[in-house]
C-alpha atoms as a PDB file:
ATOM      1  CA  MET A   1       9.383 -45.125 -33.307  1.00  0.00           C
ATOM      2  CA  ILE A   2       6.591 -43.328 -31.477  1.00  0.00           C
ATOM      3  CA  ILE A   3       7.987 -41.110 -28.740  1.00  0.00           C
ATOM      4  CA  LYS A   4       5.954 -41.377 -25.535  1.00  0.00           C
ATOM      5  CA  SER A   5       8.520 -39.805 -23.250  1.00  0.00           C
ATOM      6  CA  ALA A   6      11.869 -38.070 -23.696  1.00  0.00           C
ATOM      7  CA  ALA A   7      13.892 -36.584 -20.874  1.00  0.00           C
ATOM      8  CA  LEU A   8      17.417 -35.390 -20.229  1.00  0.00           C
ATOM      9  CA  GLU A   9      18.327 -37.859 -17.495  1.00  0.00           C
ATOM     10  CA  THR A  10      22.080 -37.553 -16.924  1.00  0.00           C
ATOM     11  CA  VAL A  11      24.682 -34.874 -17.674  1.00  0.00           C
ATOM     12  CA  CYS A  12      28.332 -35.916 -17.347  1.00  0.00           C
ATOM     13  CA  GLY A  13      31.175 -33.433 -17.161  1.00  0.00           C
ATOM     14  CA  ILE A  14      34.892 -34.052 -17.430  1.00  0.00           C
ATOM     15  CA  THR A  15      35.197 -35.403 -13.880  1.00  0.00           C
ATOM     16  CA  SER A  16      31.787 -37.094 -13.713  1.00  0.00           C
ATOM     17  CA  LYS A  17      31.358 -40.820 -13.342  1.00  0.00           C
ATOM     18  CA  LEU A  18      29.601 -42.246 -16.385  1.00  0.00           C
ATOM     19  CA  PRO A  19      26.250 -43.897 -15.625  1.00  0.00           C
ATOM     20  CA  GLN A  20      25.806 -47.656 -15.782  1.00  0.00           C
ATOM     21  CA  THR A  21      22.591 -47.730 -17.777  1.00  0.00           C
ATOM     22  CA  ILE A  22      20.310 -50.705 -18.300  1.00  0.00           C
ATOM     23  CA  TYR A  23      19.035 -49.661 -21.742  1.00  0.00           C
ATOM     24  CA  PRO A  24      20.817 -49.657 -25.126  1.00  0.00           C
ATOM     25  CA  GLU A  25      22.653 -46.459 -26.051  1.00  0.00           C
ATOM     26  CA  VAL A  26      23.318 -44.773 -29.395  1.00  0.00           C
ATOM     27  CA  ALA A  27      25.783 -41.885 -29.461  1.00  0.00           C
ATOM     28  CA  PHE A  28      25.984 -38.821 -31.701  1.00  0.00           C
ATOM     29  CA  ALA A  29      29.279 -37.106 -32.509  1.00  0.00           C
ATOM     30  CA  GLY A  30      29.918 -34.146 -34.764  1.00  0.00           C
ATOM     31  CA  LYS A  31      31.538 -30.793 -35.319  1.00  0.00           C
ATOM     32  CA  SER A  32      30.262 -28.011 -33.083  1.00  0.00           C
ATOM     33  CA  ASN A  33      28.158 -26.288 -35.769  1.00  0.00           C
ATOM     34  CA  VAL A  34      26.869 -29.365 -37.609  1.00  0.00           C
ATOM     35  CA  GLY A  35      23.346 -29.275 -36.158  1.00  0.00           C
ATOM     36  CA  LYS A  36      23.661 -32.083 -33.607  1.00  0.00           C
ATOM     37  CA  SER A  37      21.214 -30.670 -31.053  1.00  0.00           C
ATOM     38  CA  SER A  38      18.652 -29.925 -33.784  1.00  0.00           C
ATOM     39  CA  LEU A  39      18.957 -33.474 -35.114  1.00  0.00           C
ATOM     40  CA  ILE A  40      18.512 -34.994 -31.662  1.00  0.00           C
ATOM     41  CA  ASN A  41      15.458 -32.777 -31.051  1.00  0.00           C
ATOM     42  CA  THR A  42      14.017 -33.945 -34.375  1.00  0.00           C
ATOM     43  CA  LEU A  43      14.531 -37.594 -33.429  1.00  0.00           C
ATOM     44  CA  MET A  44      12.847 -36.997 -30.068  1.00  0.00           C
ATOM     45  CA  ASN A  45       9.984 -34.958 -31.573  1.00  0.00           C
ATOM     46  CA  ARG A  46      10.874 -32.117 -29.231  1.00  0.00           C
ATOM     47  CA  LYS A  47      11.580 -28.524 -30.135  1.00  0.00           C
ATOM     48  CA  SER A  48      14.182 -27.632 -27.551  1.00  0.00           C
ATOM     49  CA  LEU A  49      14.979 -30.494 -25.180  1.00  0.00           C
ATOM     50  CA  ALA A  50      18.488 -30.698 -26.594  1.00  0.00           C
ATOM     51  CA  ARG A  51      19.700 -27.139 -26.238  1.00  0.00           C
ATOM     52  CA  THR A  52      20.710 -25.488 -29.476  1.00  0.00           C
ATOM     53  CA  SER A  53      22.911 -22.410 -29.531  1.00  0.00           C
ATOM     54  CA  SER A  54      24.203 -19.835 -31.965  1.00  0.00           C
ATOM     55  CA  GLN A  55      27.550 -20.295 -30.209  1.00  0.00           C
ATOM     56  CA  PRO A  56      29.305 -23.441 -31.458  1.00  0.00           C
ATOM     57  CA  GLY A  57      31.090 -25.421 -28.775  1.00  0.00           C
ATOM     58  CA  LYS A  58      28.307 -25.037 -26.235  1.00  0.00           C
ATOM     59  CA  THR A  59      27.915 -28.772 -25.590  1.00  0.00           C
ATOM     60  CA  GLN A  60      30.736 -29.481 -23.140  1.00  0.00           C
ATOM     61  CA  THR A  61      29.153 -32.479 -21.459  1.00  0.00           C
ATOM     62  CA  ILE A  62      27.911 -35.940 -22.378  1.00  0.00           C
ATOM     63  CA  ASN A  63      24.121 -35.778 -22.217  1.00  0.00           C
ATOM     64  CA  PHE A  64      21.960 -38.890 -21.839  1.00  0.00           C
ATOM     65  CA  TYR A  65      18.388 -38.603 -23.133  1.00  0.00           C
ATOM     66  CA  ASN A  66      16.032 -41.332 -21.933  1.00  0.00           C
ATOM     67  CA  ILE A  67      13.514 -42.280 -24.633  1.00  0.00           C
ATOM     68  CA  ASN A  68      10.415 -44.245 -23.547  1.00  0.00           C
ATOM     69  CA  SER A  69      12.485 -45.876 -20.769  1.00  0.00           C
ATOM     70  CA  GLN A  70      13.812 -48.130 -23.545  1.00  0.00           C
ATOM     71  CA  ILE A  71      16.840 -46.458 -25.068  1.00  0.00           C
ATOM     72  CA  TYR A  72      19.292 -43.600 -24.566  1.00  0.00           C
ATOM     73  CA  LEU A  73      20.331 -41.039 -27.168  1.00  0.00           C
ATOM     74  CA  VAL A  74      23.765 -39.849 -26.062  1.00  0.00           C
ATOM     75  CA  ASP A  75      24.919 -36.390 -27.154  1.00  0.00           C
ATOM     76  CA  LEU A  76      28.735 -36.162 -27.201  1.00  0.00           C
ATOM     77  CA  PRO A  77      30.637 -32.843 -26.990  1.00  0.00           C
ATOM     78  CA  GLY A  78      31.088 -31.039 -30.294  1.00  0.00           C
ATOM     79  CA  TYR A  79      34.595 -30.833 -31.715  1.00  0.00           C
ATOM     80  CA  GLY A  80      36.593 -28.573 -33.977  1.00  0.00           C
ATOM     81  CA  TYR A  81      35.558 -25.147 -32.706  1.00  0.00           C
ATOM     82  CA  ALA A  82      38.550 -22.813 -33.007  1.00  0.00           C
ATOM     83  CA  LYS A  83      37.733 -20.545 -30.041  1.00  0.00           C
ATOM     84  CA  VAL A  84      37.839 -23.393 -27.537  1.00  0.00           C
ATOM     85  CA  PRO A  85      41.276 -23.639 -25.869  1.00  0.00           C
ATOM     86  CA  GLN A  86      43.362 -26.635 -26.884  1.00  0.00           C
ATOM     87  CA  SER A  87      43.455 -27.818 -23.279  1.00  0.00           C
ATOM     88  CA  GLU A  88      39.649 -27.979 -23.244  1.00  0.00           C
ATOM     89  CA  LYS A  89      39.564 -29.859 -26.555  1.00  0.00           C
ATOM     90  CA  GLU A  90      41.940 -32.441 -25.122  1.00  0.00           C
ATOM     91  CA  LYS A  91      39.761 -32.879 -22.026  1.00  0.00           C
ATOM     92  CA  TRP A  92      36.647 -33.364 -24.192  1.00  0.00           C
ATOM     93  CA  GLY A  93      38.536 -35.881 -26.327  1.00  0.00           C
ATOM     94  CA  LYS A  94      39.530 -37.890 -23.254  1.00  0.00           C
ATOM     95  CA  MET A  95      35.945 -37.734 -21.990  1.00  0.00           C
ATOM     96  CA  ILE A  96      34.574 -39.084 -25.280  1.00  0.00           C
ATOM     97  CA  GLU A  97      37.259 -41.783 -25.399  1.00  0.00           C
ATOM     98  CA  ARG A  98      36.439 -42.836 -21.835  1.00  0.00           C
ATOM     99  CA  TYR A  99      32.784 -43.142 -22.811  1.00  0.00           C
ATOM    100  CA  LEU A 100      33.526 -45.194 -25.945  1.00  0.00           C
ATOM    101  CA  HIS A 101      35.794 -47.509 -23.962  1.00  0.00           C
ATOM    102  CA  THR A 102      33.633 -48.008 -20.879  1.00  0.00           C
ATOM    103  CA  SER A 103      29.990 -47.997 -21.995  1.00  0.00           C
ATOM    104  CA  SER A 104      28.648 -51.542 -21.867  1.00  0.00           C
ATOM    105  CA  GLN A 105      25.374 -50.556 -23.576  1.00  0.00           C
ATOM    106  CA  LEU A 106      26.665 -48.563 -26.561  1.00  0.00           C
ATOM    107  CA  LYS A 107      25.264 -50.148 -29.736  1.00  0.00           C
ATOM    108  CA  ALA A 108      26.119 -47.568 -32.414  1.00  0.00           C
ATOM    109  CA  VAL A 109      27.875 -44.264 -33.035  1.00  0.00           C
ATOM    110  CA  PHE A 110      26.452 -41.754 -35.501  1.00  0.00           C
ATOM    111  CA  LEU A 111      28.877 -39.208 -36.951  1.00  0.00           C
ATOM    112  CA  LEU A 112      27.273 -36.005 -38.243  1.00  0.00           C
ATOM    113  CA  ILE A 113      28.819 -34.245 -41.247  1.00  0.00           C
ATOM    114  CA  ASP A 114      27.464 -31.123 -43.004  1.00  0.00           C
ATOM    115  CA  ILE A 115      26.377 -32.339 -46.450  1.00  0.00           C
ATOM    116  CA  ARG A 116      27.245 -28.958 -48.008  1.00  0.00           C
ATOM    117  CA  HIS A 117      30.980 -29.155 -47.401  1.00  0.00           C
ATOM    118  CA  GLU A 118      33.906 -31.456 -47.953  1.00  0.00           C
ATOM    119  CA  PRO A 119      34.857 -33.128 -44.661  1.00  0.00           C
ATOM    120  CA  GLY A 120      37.523 -31.261 -42.709  1.00  0.00           C
ATOM    121  CA  ALA A 121      40.579 -32.644 -40.950  1.00  0.00           C
ATOM    122  CA  ASN A 122      38.682 -32.868 -37.653  1.00  0.00           C
ATOM    123  CA  ASP A 123      35.907 -34.886 -39.307  1.00  0.00           C
ATOM    124  CA  LYS A 124      38.409 -37.324 -40.794  1.00  0.00           C
ATOM    125  CA  THR A 125      40.206 -37.668 -37.478  1.00  0.00           C
ATOM    126  CA  MET A 126      36.953 -38.328 -35.618  1.00  0.00           C
ATOM    127  CA  TYR A 127      35.879 -40.951 -38.168  1.00  0.00           C
ATOM    128  CA  GLU A 128      39.166 -42.827 -37.864  1.00  0.00           C
ATOM    129  CA  TRP A 129      39.142 -42.430 -34.096  1.00  0.00           C
ATOM    130  CA  ILE A 130      35.659 -43.948 -33.762  1.00  0.00           C
ATOM    131  CA  CYS A 131      36.758 -46.839 -35.993  1.00  0.00           C
ATOM    132  CA  ALA A 132      39.902 -47.290 -33.896  1.00  0.00           C
ATOM    133  CA  ASN A 133      37.710 -47.586 -30.803  1.00  0.00           C
ATOM    134  CA  GLY A 134      35.941 -50.576 -32.324  1.00  0.00           C
ATOM    135  CA  TYR A 135      32.823 -49.008 -33.832  1.00  0.00           C
ATOM    136  CA  GLU A 136      31.670 -48.586 -37.422  1.00  0.00           C
ATOM    137  CA  PRO A 137      30.209 -45.082 -37.434  1.00  0.00           C
ATOM    138  CA  ILE A 138      27.026 -44.374 -39.360  1.00  0.00           C
ATOM    139  CA  ILE A 139      27.290 -41.074 -41.225  1.00  0.00           C
ATOM    140  CA  LEU A 140      24.421 -38.593 -40.968  1.00  0.00           C
ATOM    141  CA  ALA A 141      24.741 -35.950 -43.681  1.00  0.00           C
ATOM    142  CA  THR A 142      23.018 -32.989 -42.030  1.00  0.00           C
ATOM    143  CA  LYS A 143      21.477 -29.772 -43.385  1.00  0.00           C
ATOM    144  CA  LEU A 144      20.034 -31.580 -46.397  1.00  0.00           C
ATOM    145  CA  ASP A 145      17.462 -28.792 -46.878  1.00  0.00           C
ATOM    146  CA  LYS A 146      20.301 -26.340 -47.603  1.00  0.00           C
ATOM    147  CA  ILE A 147      21.170 -27.898 -50.959  1.00  0.00           C
ATOM    148  CA  LYS A 148      19.223 -28.601 -54.147  1.00  0.00           C
ATOM    149  CA  ARG A 149      17.894 -32.090 -54.723  1.00  0.00           C
ATOM    150  CA  SER A 150      20.077 -32.365 -57.819  1.00  0.00           C
ATOM    151  CA  GLN A 151      23.195 -31.892 -55.669  1.00  0.00           C
ATOM    152  CA  VAL A 152      22.486 -34.643 -53.131  1.00  0.00           C
ATOM    153  CA  GLN A 153      24.209 -37.553 -54.880  1.00  0.00           C
ATOM    154  CA  LYS A 154      27.247 -35.449 -55.752  1.00  0.00           C
ATOM    155  CA  GLN A 155      27.611 -34.244 -52.146  1.00  0.00           C
ATOM    156  CA  GLN A 156      27.218 -37.762 -50.773  1.00  0.00           C
ATOM    157  CA  LYS A 157      30.048 -38.891 -53.037  1.00  0.00           C
ATOM    158  CA  ILE A 158      32.210 -35.998 -51.780  1.00  0.00           C
ATOM    159  CA  LEU A 159      31.582 -37.098 -48.184  1.00  0.00           C
ATOM    160  CA  ARG A 160      32.347 -40.745 -48.925  1.00  0.00           C
ATOM    161  CA  GLU A 161      35.565 -39.920 -50.727  1.00  0.00           C
ATOM    162  CA  GLY A 162      36.604 -37.170 -48.295  1.00  0.00           C
ATOM    163  CA  LEU A 163      36.211 -39.413 -45.254  1.00  0.00           C
ATOM    164  CA  GLU A 164      37.549 -42.453 -47.135  1.00  0.00           C
ATOM    165  CA  LEU A 165      34.597 -44.419 -45.811  1.00  0.00           C
ATOM    166  CA  ARG A 166      35.031 -48.128 -45.480  1.00  0.00           C
ATOM    167  CA  PRO A 167      32.968 -50.270 -47.877  1.00  0.00           C
ATOM    168  CA  GLY A 168      29.440 -50.801 -46.650  1.00  0.00           C
ATOM    169  CA  THR A 169      29.382 -47.737 -44.379  1.00  0.00           C
ATOM    170  CA  LYS A 170      25.857 -46.331 -44.127  1.00  0.00           C
ATOM    171  CA  LEU A 171      25.330 -42.671 -45.050  1.00  0.00           C
ATOM    172  CA  ILE A 172      21.921 -41.095 -44.440  1.00  0.00           C
ATOM    173  CA  PRO A 173      21.035 -37.582 -45.676  1.00  0.00           C
ATOM    174  CA  PHE A 174      19.145 -35.751 -42.908  1.00  0.00           C
ATOM    175  CA  SER A 175      17.230 -32.509 -42.477  1.00  0.00           C
ATOM    176  CA  SER A 176      16.098 -31.249 -39.084  1.00  0.00           C
ATOM    177  CA  GLN A 177      13.942 -28.698 -40.904  1.00  0.00           C
ATOM    178  CA  THR A 178      11.899 -31.138 -42.980  1.00  0.00           C
ATOM    179  CA  GLY A 179      12.400 -34.306 -40.939  1.00  0.00           C
ATOM    180  CA  GLN A 180      13.762 -36.147 -43.953  1.00  0.00           C
ATOM    181  CA  GLY A 181      15.860 -39.096 -42.801  1.00  0.00           C
ATOM    182  CA  ARG A 182      14.230 -39.289 -39.362  1.00  0.00           C
ATOM    183  CA  GLU A 183      12.303 -42.514 -39.972  1.00  0.00           C
ATOM    184  CA  GLU A 184      15.316 -44.129 -41.619  1.00  0.00           C
ATOM    185  CA  VAL A 185      17.510 -43.288 -38.625  1.00  0.00           C
ATOM    186  CA  TRP A 186      14.963 -44.629 -36.143  1.00  0.00           C
ATOM    187  CA  HIS A 187      14.514 -47.815 -38.162  1.00  0.00           C
ATOM    188  CA  LEU A 188      18.266 -48.328 -38.079  1.00  0.00           C
ATOM    189  CA  ILE A 189      18.439 -47.603 -34.326  1.00  0.00           C
ATOM    190  CA  GLU A 190      15.681 -50.134 -33.643  1.00  0.00           C
ATOM    191  CA  GLU A 191      17.446 -52.697 -35.814  1.00  0.00           C
ATOM    192  CA  LEU A 192      20.756 -52.200 -34.013  1.00  0.00           C
ATOM    193  CA  CYS A 193      19.371 -52.062 -30.481  1.00  0.00           C
ATOM    194  CA  PHE A 194      16.423 -54.427 -30.579  1.00  0.00           C
ATOM    195  CA  SER A 195      17.452 -57.108 -33.042  1.00  0.00           C
ATOM    196  CA  GLN A 196      16.197 -59.981 -30.888  1.00  0.00           C
ATOM    197  CA  GLY A 197      12.637 -59.836 -32.098  1.00  0.00           C
ATOM    198  CA  ASN A 198      11.282 -56.604 -30.651  1.00  0.00           C
ATOM    199  CA  SER A 199       8.779 -55.201 -33.111  1.00  0.00           C
ATOM    200  CA  SER A 200       8.203 -51.500 -33.625  1.00  0.00           C
ATOM    201  CA  GLU A 201       4.720 -52.019 -32.169  1.00  0.00           C
ATOM    202  CA  GLU A 202       6.242 -53.336 -28.945  1.00  0.00           C
ATOM    203  CA  MET A 203       8.448 -50.246 -28.823  1.00  0.00           C
ATOM    204  CA  ALA A 204       5.650 -47.823 -29.632  1.00  0.00           C
ATOM    205  CA  GLU A 205       4.211 -45.454 -27.134  1.00  0.00           C
END
């Protein structure tokens, strides 16, 4: 997808009313330090529209990025950061659940997992939780550039087994540094959101 315009359009906090959008939405969930903001910036071809931070747990809102006035990339709050009070974690969880339950335009949920490590308890919980809310999450194995090419298949197997992925679940290795996986993710997004005959040319900027 060629990105003509990308803008942070709506920021929703714990008490905010979620927007009723007219374009398809795809959401991104992941642990606080998994590289979610970097991945979203890579998809948007922007360096810093999605704010990255050296402090995990910074994303405490649901952020809606309008792409080409055709689609929204939705950045969900990061989870699993130990220094965030339990009460805050519970509020974020309720906020994410409210979004998953009420969005009429949500077409897909991407779950980001660090390809270098075995999935943690929070990752497993989030995977099952997304499934329980009626979605089949697509796994994005981030930080691909941090491992050797010879390790990729082994690490993918560790993620599949660690998360106990359901048969047929898509897993895409991704690197925000090299851009590897970007075109595959966009192709999948277009397929999921514009499956009624919209060509990539019609979506292009």
